[in-house]
Structure formats: C-alpha cells, structure tokens
Amino acid sequence: MRTLRPLLARAATLTPAGRAPPSALLPPIPLYRRLLRAHRKCLPREMRVLGDEYVKGEFRTHREVENPMHIIGFLTEWQLYAQKLEGSSWQGEVLDKAKIDKMSDQQIGQLYELMKATRDLEGEDEGGELGGEGGKEGK
C-alpha cells in the first residue's frame, strides 16, 4: 500500500512592496555566484561589467561584518535583487521611497554614484561619447 504525503498549504503572503517573500536565505558564496550568473544571463555587456564590479565590491566590503542582523539584511536584499533580475521585472522600476528614507548618507552617495555610472553608460551607447557630466570624477 502506498502512503500519501499530506499537502501542506499556507496562505500566500506578500511583503509591503507587493512581492513574494524570498525563499530560504542563500549562504554568501552561492548567492554571489548566483548574482554573477544572473548578470551574465540577463544584462547587456556594459551593464554586466558595471554590475559585476559593484557586486564584487559590496561582497568584499561586507566580508568582515560580524553583526548578524546586518548580514541577514545584506543577503536578503541581494537575494531579492537576484530574483528580480532573473524574473525580468526590474526594468523601469522606481525605488521605493520608504527604502530611500531608511538609507544612510553613505548609501545614498553610493546610489548616486551608481546612477551616474549607468547614465554614463547609456550616454556611451547612444552617442558614442560620455553623457551627463562628461566622465569620471577624481576621488
């Protein structure tokens, strides 16, 4: 006689942003590999180079973090990014104001630098020259 597994049902819940909650949190190295793989499959070459550099820098910076809440938040956000990228729902999406309000000044600065870099890449694609402020600034 064959035994049947009981089906476990649970209510579908959505996060405040209206998306499904992430699946089980991936450890850092598999998540890092998944992100690079998603960039390879889903992004044009110029955006892939920029995205890969950014992911590598962020994971390198957070390698020595010991605060468990910070680590969980970091991994959760990168996992949501990977899911969004793989689902192709990310193009043209507006950043949630609540997330911007929670960001530190350093994070807002990073976001601004990322915005400038992507606009520079878009300018290169359209006109063959750098758009926006005319190139990279010295640090």
N, C-alpha and C. Protein backbone atom coordinates (compact mmCIF):
# COMPACT_ATOMS: atom_id res chain seq x y z
N MET A 1 0.83 -1.17 0.00
CA MET A 1 0.00 0.00 0.00
C MET A 1 0.89 1.25 0.00
N ARG A 2 0.53 2.20 -0.80
CA ARG A 2 1.31 3.41 -0.95
C ARG A 2 0.81 4.48 0.01
N THR A 3 1.73 5.10 0.71
CA THR A 3 1.32 6.18 1.61
C THR A 3 1.39 7.50 0.87
N LEU A 4 0.47 8.35 1.18
CA LEU A 4 0.42 9.66 0.56
C LEU A 4 0.95 10.71 1.53
N ARG A 5 1.73 11.58 0.98
CA ARG A 5 2.22 12.69 1.79
C ARG A 5 1.11 13.73 1.93
N PRO A 6 0.89 14.21 3.11
CA PRO A 6 -0.12 15.27 3.25
C PRO A 6 0.40 16.56 2.60
N LEU A 7 -0.49 17.23 1.94
CA LEU A 7 -0.12 18.50 1.33
C LEU A 7 -0.26 19.60 2.37
N LEU A 8 0.79 20.34 2.51
CA LEU A 8 0.77 21.44 3.48
C LEU A 8 0.47 22.73 2.73
N ALA A 9 -0.57 23.37 3.12
CA ALA A 9 -0.94 24.62 2.48
C ALA A 9 -0.73 25.77 3.44
N ARG A 10 -0.30 26.87 2.88
CA ARG A 10 -0.18 28.07 3.70
C ARG A 10 -0.60 29.26 2.86
N ALA A 11 -1.03 30.27 3.53
CA ALA A 11 -1.50 31.46 2.83
C ALA A 11 -0.34 32.14 2.13
N ALA A 12 -0.59 32.62 0.95
CA ALA A 12 0.43 33.37 0.23
C ALA A 12 0.52 34.76 0.86
N THR A 13 1.71 35.11 1.26
CA THR A 13 1.89 36.43 1.86
C THR A 13 2.75 37.27 0.95
N LEU A 14 2.51 38.54 0.99
CA LEU A 14 3.30 39.48 0.21
C LEU A 14 3.96 40.46 1.16
N THR A 15 5.13 40.91 0.78
CA THR A 15 5.81 41.92 1.56
C THR A 15 5.14 43.26 1.27
N PRO A 16 5.45 44.29 2.04
CA PRO A 16 4.81 45.59 1.81
C PRO A 16 5.00 46.11 0.38
N ALA A 17 6.08 45.74 -0.28
CA ALA A 17 6.32 46.22 -1.64
C ALA A 17 5.49 45.44 -2.66
N GLY A 18 4.71 44.46 -2.21
CA GLY A 18 3.83 43.73 -3.10
C GLY A 18 4.48 42.55 -3.80
N ARG A 19 5.61 42.11 -3.30
CA ARG A 19 6.26 40.97 -3.93
C ARG A 19 6.31 39.80 -2.95
N ALA A 20 6.46 38.61 -3.49
CA ALA A 20 6.51 37.42 -2.66
C ALA A 20 7.77 37.45 -1.80
N PRO A 21 7.72 36.91 -0.59
CA PRO A 21 8.91 36.89 0.25
C PRO A 21 9.97 35.99 -0.37
N PRO A 22 11.24 36.27 -0.10
CA PRO A 22 12.30 35.47 -0.70
C PRO A 22 12.27 34.05 -0.17
N SER A 23 12.80 33.14 -0.97
CA SER A 23 12.91 31.77 -0.50
C SER A 23 14.00 31.73 0.56
N ALA A 24 14.35 30.55 1.03
CA ALA A 24 15.35 30.42 2.08
C ALA A 24 16.60 31.21 1.73
N LEU A 25 17.17 31.84 2.72
CA LEU A 25 18.33 32.70 2.51
C LEU A 25 19.53 31.87 2.08
N LEU A 26 20.14 32.26 0.97
CA LEU A 26 21.32 31.56 0.47
C LEU A 26 22.56 32.00 1.24
N PRO A 27 23.51 31.09 1.45
CA PRO A 27 24.79 31.50 2.03
C PRO A 27 25.52 32.46 1.08
N PRO A 28 26.48 33.22 1.59
CA PRO A 28 27.11 34.26 0.77
C PRO A 28 27.74 33.78 -0.55
N ILE A 29 28.51 32.72 -0.54
CA ILE A 29 29.20 32.31 -1.77
C ILE A 29 28.23 31.83 -2.84
N PRO A 30 27.26 30.95 -2.53
CA PRO A 30 26.29 30.59 -3.58
C PRO A 30 25.48 31.78 -4.08
N LEU A 31 25.14 32.72 -3.19
CA LEU A 31 24.41 33.92 -3.61
C LEU A 31 25.27 34.77 -4.53
N TYR A 32 26.54 34.92 -4.20
CA TYR A 32 27.49 35.68 -5.03
C TYR A 32 27.57 35.06 -6.43
N ARG A 33 27.69 33.76 -6.49
CA ARG A 33 27.75 33.07 -7.79
C ARG A 33 26.44 33.24 -8.56
N ARG A 34 25.32 33.17 -7.84
CA ARG A 34 24.02 33.33 -8.49
C ARG A 34 23.89 34.73 -9.09
N LEU A 35 24.37 35.73 -8.38
CA LEU A 35 24.31 37.10 -8.88
C LEU A 35 25.14 37.27 -10.15
N LEU A 36 26.36 36.75 -10.13
CA LEU A 36 27.20 36.86 -11.32
C LEU A 36 26.59 36.10 -12.50
N ARG A 37 26.00 34.95 -12.21
CA ARG A 37 25.34 34.17 -13.27
C ARG A 37 24.13 34.93 -13.82
N ALA A 38 23.36 35.56 -12.94
CA ALA A 38 22.19 36.34 -13.38
C ALA A 38 22.64 37.53 -14.24
N HIS A 39 23.74 38.17 -13.86
CA HIS A 39 24.27 39.26 -14.67
C HIS A 39 24.66 38.75 -16.06
N ARG A 40 25.30 37.59 -16.09
CA ARG A 40 25.75 37.02 -17.36
C ARG A 40 24.57 36.71 -18.28
N LYS A 41 23.47 36.23 -17.69
CA LYS A 41 22.31 35.82 -18.49
C LYS A 41 21.38 36.97 -18.83
N CYS A 42 21.25 37.96 -17.95
CA CYS A 42 20.16 38.93 -18.06
C CYS A 42 20.57 40.35 -18.46
N LEU A 43 21.84 40.67 -18.38
CA LEU A 43 22.25 42.06 -18.63
C LEU A 43 23.06 42.20 -19.91
N PRO A 44 22.96 43.36 -20.56
CA PRO A 44 23.86 43.63 -21.68
C PRO A 44 25.29 43.77 -21.17
N ARG A 45 26.25 43.62 -22.04
CA ARG A 45 27.65 43.56 -21.65
C ARG A 45 28.10 44.74 -20.78
N GLU A 46 27.76 45.96 -21.17
CA GLU A 46 28.21 47.13 -20.41
C GLU A 46 27.62 47.14 -19.00
N MET A 47 26.35 46.81 -18.90
CA MET A 47 25.71 46.78 -17.58
C MET A 47 26.24 45.61 -16.76
N ARG A 48 26.57 44.53 -17.42
CA ARG A 48 27.11 43.37 -16.71
C ARG A 48 28.44 43.71 -16.07
N VAL A 49 29.31 44.39 -16.81
CA VAL A 49 30.62 44.77 -16.26
C VAL A 49 30.43 45.66 -15.03
N LEU A 50 29.57 46.66 -15.16
CA LEU A 50 29.30 47.55 -14.04
C LEU A 50 28.69 46.79 -12.86
N GLY A 51 27.72 45.93 -13.13
CA GLY A 51 27.06 45.16 -12.07
C GLY A 51 28.01 44.20 -11.38
N ASP A 52 28.86 43.52 -12.16
CA ASP A 52 29.82 42.58 -11.57
C ASP A 52 30.80 43.31 -10.65
N GLU A 53 31.30 44.45 -11.11
CA GLU A 53 32.22 45.23 -10.26
C GLU A 53 31.54 45.65 -8.97
N TYR A 54 30.30 46.08 -9.07
CA TYR A 54 29.57 46.54 -7.89
C TYR A 54 29.33 45.38 -6.91
N VAL A 55 28.89 44.24 -7.42
CA VAL A 55 28.64 43.08 -6.56
C VAL A 55 29.93 42.64 -5.89
N LYS A 56 31.00 42.55 -6.65
CA LYS A 56 32.29 42.13 -6.08
C LYS A 56 32.74 43.08 -4.98
N GLY A 57 32.61 44.37 -5.23
CA GLY A 57 33.00 45.36 -4.23
C GLY A 57 32.16 45.28 -2.96
N GLU A 58 30.85 45.12 -3.13
CA GLU A 58 29.96 45.02 -1.97
C GLU A 58 30.24 43.77 -1.14
N PHE A 59 30.41 42.64 -1.80
CA PHE A 59 30.69 41.41 -1.06
C PHE A 59 32.06 41.48 -0.39
N ARG A 60 33.03 42.09 -1.05
CA ARG A 60 34.36 42.25 -0.47
C ARG A 60 34.28 43.16 0.77
N THR A 61 33.53 44.23 0.67
CA THR A 61 33.38 45.17 1.78
C THR A 61 32.69 44.52 2.98
N HIS A 62 31.72 43.66 2.73
CA HIS A 62 30.94 43.05 3.81
C HIS A 62 31.51 41.72 4.28
N ARG A 63 32.68 41.36 3.81
CA ARG A 63 33.29 40.08 4.18
C ARG A 63 33.56 39.99 5.69
N GLU A 64 33.96 41.10 6.30
CA GLU A 64 34.36 41.10 7.70
C GLU A 64 33.26 41.53 8.67
N VAL A 65 32.06 41.75 8.18
CA VAL A 65 30.95 42.20 9.05
C VAL A 65 30.57 41.07 10.00
N GLU A 66 30.37 41.42 11.28
CA GLU A 66 30.04 40.40 12.27
C GLU A 66 28.62 40.53 12.83
N ASN A 67 27.96 41.65 12.58
CA ASN A 67 26.61 41.87 13.08
C ASN A 67 25.63 40.98 12.31
N PRO A 68 24.99 39.99 12.98
CA PRO A 68 24.11 39.06 12.27
C PRO A 68 22.92 39.73 11.59
N MET A 69 22.37 40.78 12.20
CA MET A 69 21.24 41.47 11.57
C MET A 69 21.67 42.17 10.28
N HIS A 70 22.85 42.73 10.31
CA HIS A 70 23.37 43.40 9.12
C HIS A 70 23.63 42.38 8.00
N ILE A 71 24.17 41.24 8.37
CA ILE A 71 24.45 40.18 7.39
C ILE A 71 23.15 39.67 6.77
N ILE A 72 22.15 39.44 7.60
CA ILE A 72 20.86 38.93 7.10
C ILE A 72 20.22 39.97 6.16
N GLY A 73 20.25 41.23 6.55
CA GLY A 73 19.70 42.28 5.69
C GLY A 73 20.44 42.38 4.37
N PHE A 74 21.76 42.29 4.43
CA PHE A 74 22.59 42.35 3.23
C PHE A 74 22.27 41.20 2.28
N LEU A 75 22.26 39.98 2.81
CA LEU A 75 21.98 38.81 1.97
C LEU A 75 20.55 38.81 1.45
N THR A 76 19.60 39.25 2.27
CA THR A 76 18.20 39.29 1.84
C THR A 76 18.02 40.24 0.67
N GLU A 77 18.58 41.43 0.77
CA GLU A 77 18.42 42.41 -0.31
C GLU A 77 19.08 41.93 -1.60
N TRP A 78 20.26 41.31 -1.49
CA TRP A 78 20.91 40.81 -2.70
C TRP A 78 20.13 39.64 -3.29
N GLN A 79 19.53 38.82 -2.44
CA GLN A 79 18.73 37.71 -2.96
C GLN A 79 17.48 38.23 -3.66
N LEU A 80 16.84 39.24 -3.11
CA LEU A 80 15.68 39.86 -3.77
C LEU A 80 16.09 40.46 -5.11
N TYR A 81 17.26 41.07 -5.15
CA TYR A 81 17.77 41.63 -6.41
C TYR A 81 17.97 40.52 -7.44
N ALA A 82 18.55 39.40 -7.03
CA ALA A 82 18.76 38.28 -7.96
C ALA A 82 17.42 37.75 -8.48
N GLN A 83 16.45 37.61 -7.60
CA GLN A 83 15.13 37.12 -8.03
C GLN A 83 14.49 38.09 -9.01
N LYS A 84 14.61 39.36 -8.73
CA LYS A 84 14.02 40.38 -9.60
C LYS A 84 14.71 40.37 -10.96
N LEU A 85 16.03 40.25 -10.96
CA LEU A 85 16.79 40.24 -12.20
C LEU A 85 16.45 39.02 -13.04
N GLU A 86 16.34 37.88 -12.40
CA GLU A 86 16.00 36.64 -13.12
C GLU A 86 14.57 36.67 -13.64
N GLY A 87 13.70 37.42 -12.99
CA GLY A 87 12.31 37.49 -13.41
C GLY A 87 12.03 38.60 -14.41
N SER A 88 13.02 39.39 -14.74
CA SER A 88 12.91 40.49 -15.71
C SER A 88 11.87 41.54 -15.33
N SER A 89 11.57 41.67 -14.05
CA SER A 89 10.58 42.68 -13.63
C SER A 89 11.26 43.95 -13.12
N TRP A 90 12.54 44.04 -13.27
CA TRP A 90 13.30 45.14 -12.68
C TRP A 90 13.40 46.37 -13.58
N GLN A 91 13.23 46.21 -14.87
CA GLN A 91 13.45 47.32 -15.79
C GLN A 91 12.38 48.39 -15.61
N GLY A 92 12.82 49.61 -15.40
CA GLY A 92 11.91 50.73 -15.25
C GLY A 92 11.26 50.85 -13.88
N GLU A 93 11.67 50.02 -12.94
CA GLU A 93 11.07 50.06 -11.61
C GLU A 93 11.58 51.28 -10.84
N VAL A 94 10.70 51.91 -10.10
CA VAL A 94 11.05 53.07 -9.29
C VAL A 94 11.41 52.60 -7.89
N LEU A 95 12.46 53.18 -7.33
CA LEU A 95 12.89 52.82 -5.99
C LEU A 95 11.87 53.30 -4.97
N ASP A 96 11.52 52.44 -4.03
CA ASP A 96 10.53 52.73 -3.01
C ASP A 96 11.02 53.85 -2.08
N LYS A 97 10.18 54.85 -1.85
CA LYS A 97 10.56 56.00 -1.01
C LYS A 97 10.89 55.56 0.42
N ALA A 98 10.20 54.56 0.92
CA ALA A 98 10.48 54.09 2.29
C ALA A 98 11.90 53.55 2.39
N LYS A 99 12.37 52.87 1.34
CA LYS A 99 13.74 52.36 1.36
C LYS A 99 14.75 53.50 1.31
N ILE A 100 14.46 54.52 0.52
CA ILE A 100 15.37 55.66 0.43
C ILE A 100 15.45 56.37 1.78
N ASP A 101 14.31 56.50 2.47
CA ASP A 101 14.29 57.16 3.77
C ASP A 101 15.12 56.41 4.81
N LYS A 102 15.23 55.09 4.67
CA LYS A 102 15.98 54.28 5.63
C LYS A 102 17.49 54.28 5.34
N MET A 103 17.89 54.77 4.17
CA MET A 103 19.30 54.71 3.78
C MET A 103 20.13 55.74 4.54
N SER A 104 21.38 55.36 4.80
CA SER A 104 22.33 56.29 5.41
C SER A 104 22.85 57.23 4.32
N ASP A 105 23.55 58.28 4.75
CA ASP A 105 24.12 59.22 3.78
C ASP A 105 25.11 58.52 2.86
N GLN A 106 25.87 57.58 3.41
CA GLN A 106 26.84 56.83 2.60
C GLN A 106 26.12 56.00 1.54
N GLN A 107 25.03 55.36 1.91
CA GLN A 107 24.27 54.55 0.95
C GLN A 107 23.65 55.42 -0.14
N ILE A 108 23.16 56.58 0.22
CA ILE A 108 22.60 57.49 -0.77
C ILE A 108 23.70 57.96 -1.72
N GLY A 109 24.89 58.20 -1.18
CA GLY A 109 26.03 58.57 -2.02
C GLY A 109 26.38 57.46 -3.00
N GLN A 110 26.37 56.21 -2.53
CA GLN A 110 26.64 55.07 -3.41
C GLN A 110 25.57 54.96 -4.49
N LEU A 111 24.34 55.17 -4.12
CA LEU A 111 23.23 55.11 -5.08
C LEU A 111 23.40 56.19 -6.14
N TYR A 112 23.82 57.37 -5.73
CA TYR A 112 24.04 58.46 -6.67
C TYR A 112 25.18 58.11 -7.63
N GLU A 113 26.27 57.56 -7.10
CA GLU A 113 27.40 57.17 -7.96
C GLU A 113 26.98 56.09 -8.95
N LEU A 114 26.16 55.16 -8.50
CA LEU A 114 25.66 54.11 -9.39
C LEU A 114 24.78 54.72 -10.48
N MET A 115 23.93 55.67 -10.10
CA MET A 115 23.07 56.33 -11.08
C MET A 115 23.92 57.06 -12.13
N LYS A 116 24.96 57.77 -11.68
CA LYS A 116 25.84 58.48 -12.62
C LYS A 116 26.53 57.50 -13.56
N ALA A 117 27.01 56.38 -13.02
CA ALA A 117 27.71 55.40 -13.85
C ALA A 117 26.78 54.80 -14.90
N THR A 118 25.55 54.49 -14.52
CA THR A 118 24.63 53.91 -15.50
C THR A 118 24.24 54.95 -16.55
N ARG A 119 24.09 56.19 -16.16
CA ARG A 119 23.77 57.24 -17.14
C ARG A 119 24.94 57.47 -18.08
N ASP A 120 26.17 57.38 -17.56
CA ASP A 120 27.34 57.50 -18.43
C ASP A 120 27.37 56.37 -19.45
N LEU A 121 27.03 55.15 -19.01
CA LEU A 121 26.99 54.02 -19.94
C LEU A 121 25.90 54.22 -20.99
N GLU A 122 24.75 54.71 -20.58
CA GLU A 122 23.66 54.97 -21.54
C GLU A 122 24.09 56.02 -22.55
N GLY A 123 24.82 57.04 -22.09
CA GLY A 123 25.32 58.08 -22.98
C GLY A 123 26.32 57.54 -23.99
N GLU A 124 27.17 56.59 -23.56
CA GLU A 124 28.12 55.96 -24.47
C GLU A 124 27.40 55.17 -25.54
N ASP A 125 26.33 54.46 -25.15
CA ASP A 125 25.58 53.64 -26.10
C ASP A 125 24.89 54.50 -27.15
N GLU A 126 24.34 55.64 -26.74
CA GLU A 126 23.55 56.46 -27.66
C GLU A 126 24.43 57.27 -28.60
N GLY A 127 25.41 57.97 -28.08
CA GLY A 127 26.16 58.90 -28.91
C GLY A 127 27.62 58.55 -29.12
N GLY A 128 28.09 57.49 -28.53
CA GLY A 128 29.48 57.14 -28.66
C GLY A 128 30.39 57.93 -27.73
N GLU A 129 29.84 58.88 -27.00
CA GLU A 129 30.61 59.67 -26.05
C GLU A 129 29.96 59.59 -24.68
N LEU A 130 30.68 60.06 -23.70
CA LEU A 130 30.13 60.04 -22.35
C LEU A 130 29.04 61.08 -22.22
N GLY A 131 27.96 60.69 -21.56
CA GLY A 131 26.86 61.62 -21.33
C GLY A 131 26.98 62.24 -19.96
N GLY A 132 26.02 63.00 -19.59
CA GLY A 132 25.97 63.56 -18.23
C GLY A 132 27.05 64.58 -17.99
N GLU A 133 27.90 64.34 -16.97
CA GLU A 133 28.90 65.32 -16.57
C GLU A 133 30.21 65.19 -17.33
N GLY A 134 30.26 64.37 -18.35
CA GLY A 134 31.45 64.32 -19.18
C GLY A 134 32.54 63.39 -18.69
N GLY A 135 32.23 62.43 -17.87
CA GLY A 135 33.25 61.46 -17.49
C GLY A 135 33.31 61.24 -16.01
N LYS A 136 34.35 60.49 -15.62
CA LYS A 136 34.50 60.16 -14.21
C LYS A 136 35.18 61.30 -13.49
N GLU A 137 34.81 61.47 -12.26
CA GLU A 137 35.42 62.48 -11.42
C GLU A 137 36.51 61.84 -10.60
N GLY A 138 37.49 62.62 -10.19
CA GLY A 138 38.53 62.10 -9.31
C GLY A 138 38.01 61.91 -7.92
N LYS A 139 38.55 60.94 -7.21
CA LYS A 139 38.08 60.68 -5.84
C LYS A 139 39.04 61.23 -4.84
